[in-house]
C-alpha atoms as a PDB file:
ATOM      1  CA  MET A   1     151.717 138.781  51.011  1.00  0.00           C
ATOM      2  CA  ASN A   2     149.062 141.379  51.755  1.00  0.00           C
ATOM      3  CA  THR A   3     147.987 142.618  55.171  1.00  0.00           C
ATOM      4  CA  ALA A   4     144.826 140.488  55.314  1.00  0.00           C
ATOM      5  CA  ALA A   5     146.751 137.315  54.518  1.00  0.00           C
ATOM      6  CA  LEU A   6     149.422 138.136  57.088  1.00  0.00           C
ATOM      7  CA  THR A   7     146.787 138.857  59.731  1.00  0.00           C
ATOM      8  CA  ALA A   8     145.038 135.556  58.996  1.00  0.00           C
ATOM      9  CA  LEU A   9     148.336 133.689  59.167  1.00  0.00           C
ATOM     10  CA  LEU A  10     149.269 135.238  62.508  1.00  0.00           C
ATOM     11  CA  SER A  11     145.826 134.485  63.897  1.00  0.00           C
ATOM     12  CA  LEU A  12     146.059 130.879  62.765  1.00  0.00           C
ATOM     13  CA  ALA A  13     149.562 130.533  64.209  1.00  0.00           C
ATOM     14  CA  SER A  14     148.363 131.891  67.546  1.00  0.00           C
ATOM     15  CA  THR A  15     145.445 129.452  67.587  1.00  0.00           C
ATOM     16  CA  LEU A  16     147.736 126.590  66.626  1.00  0.00           C
ATOM     17  CA  VAL A  17     150.158 127.339  69.465  1.00  0.00           C
ATOM     18  CA  SER A  18     147.277 127.592  71.910  1.00  0.00           C
ATOM     19  CA  LEU A  19     145.837 124.242  70.809  1.00  0.00           C
ATOM     20  CA  ALA A  20     149.254 122.582  70.895  1.00  0.00           C
ATOM     21  CA  GLU A  21     149.726 123.753  74.473  1.00  0.00           C
ATOM     22  CA  GLN A  22     146.325 122.366  75.367  1.00  0.00           C
ATOM     23  CA  TYR A  23     146.205 119.121  73.344  1.00  0.00           C
ATOM     24  CA  GLY A  24     149.777 118.258  72.477  1.00  0.00           C
ATOM     25  CA  PRO A  25     152.298 118.828  69.717  1.00  0.00           C
ATOM     26  CA  GLU A  26     150.673 116.358  67.298  1.00  0.00           C
ATOM     27  CA  ILE A  27     148.524 119.199  65.994  1.00  0.00           C
ATOM     28  CA  TYR A  28     151.629 120.733  64.392  1.00  0.00           C
ATOM     29  CA  THR A  29     152.081 117.680  62.179  1.00  0.00           C
ATOM     30  CA  THR A  30     148.456 117.774  61.056  1.00  0.00           C
ATOM     31  CA  PHE A  31     148.664 121.477  60.310  1.00  0.00           C
ATOM     32  CA  LEU A  32     151.918 121.173  58.380  1.00  0.00           C
ATOM     33  CA  GLN A  33     150.475 118.367  56.255  1.00  0.00           C
ATOM     34  CA  ALA A  34     147.451 120.509  55.413  1.00  0.00           C
ATOM     35  CA  VAL A  35     149.692 123.421  54.445  1.00  0.00           C
ATOM     36  CA  GLU A  36     151.835 121.210  52.226  1.00  0.00           C
ATOM     37  CA  GLN A  37     148.713 119.895  50.483  1.00  0.00           C
ATOM     38  CA  SER A  38     147.523 123.446  49.903  1.00  0.00           C
ATOM     39  CA  LYS A  39     150.852 124.491  48.424  1.00  0.00           C
ATOM     40  CA  SER A  40     150.880 121.517  46.080  1.00  0.00           C
ATOM     41  CA  GLY A  41     147.606 122.573  44.502  1.00  0.00           C
ATOM     42  CA  SER A  42     146.063 119.168  45.104  1.00  0.00           C
ATOM     43  CA  GLY A  43     144.959 119.738  48.658  1.00  0.00           C
ATOM     44  CA  PRO A  44     142.370 121.836  50.470  1.00  0.00           C
ATOM     45  CA  THR A  45     142.150 125.599  50.151  1.00  0.00           C
ATOM     46  CA  ALA A  46     142.834 127.862  53.127  1.00  0.00           C
ATOM     47  CA  ASP A  47     139.088 128.185  53.721  1.00  0.00           C
ATOM     48  CA  GLU A  48     138.661 124.405  53.666  1.00  0.00           C
ATOM     49  CA  ILE A  49     141.492 124.082  56.181  1.00  0.00           C
ATOM     50  CA  ARG A  50     139.770 126.590  58.474  1.00  0.00           C
ATOM     51  CA  ILE A  51     136.530 124.600  58.240  1.00  0.00           C
ATOM     52  CA  ILE A  52     138.338 121.328  59.007  1.00  0.00           C
ATOM     53  CA  PHE A  53     140.182 122.996  61.873  1.00  0.00           C
ATOM     54  CA  GLU A  54     136.962 124.334  63.394  1.00  0.00           C
ATOM     55  CA  LYS A  55     135.316 120.924  63.026  1.00  0.00           C
ATOM     56  CA  CYS A  56     138.266 119.288  64.791  1.00  0.00           C
ATOM     57  CA  LYS A  57     137.986 121.763  67.651  1.00  0.00           C
ATOM     58  CA  ALA A  58     134.242 121.139  67.937  1.00  0.00           C
ATOM     59  CA  ASP A  59     134.735 117.367  67.816  1.00  0.00           C
ATOM     60  CA  ASN A  60     137.391 117.590  70.488  1.00  0.00           C
ATOM     61  CA  ALA A  61     135.176 119.728  72.713  1.00  0.00           C
ATOM     62  CA  PHE A  62     132.412 117.131  72.378  1.00  0.00           C
ATOM     63  CA  ILE A  63     134.831 114.308  73.206  1.00  0.00           C
ATOM     64  CA  GLN A  64     136.162 116.157  76.245  1.00  0.00           C
ATOM     65  CA  LYS A  65     132.615 116.620  77.589  1.00  0.00           C
ATOM     66  CA  SER A  66     131.825 112.909  77.179  1.00  0.00           C
END
């Protein structure tokens, strides 16, 4: 694993822990499923996961404001 990949992984892990503290541990299950799909080759790429993750955060922010 190169430095850029490790940095991205640590950043994602930090964000995941922060969101789990804020919204509950269910986010771990969702994240682990996405990772498993990526490893299998039939799921989303890392970039697609980031996009989905950002969309989920934006959706949640909208819901919380409602």
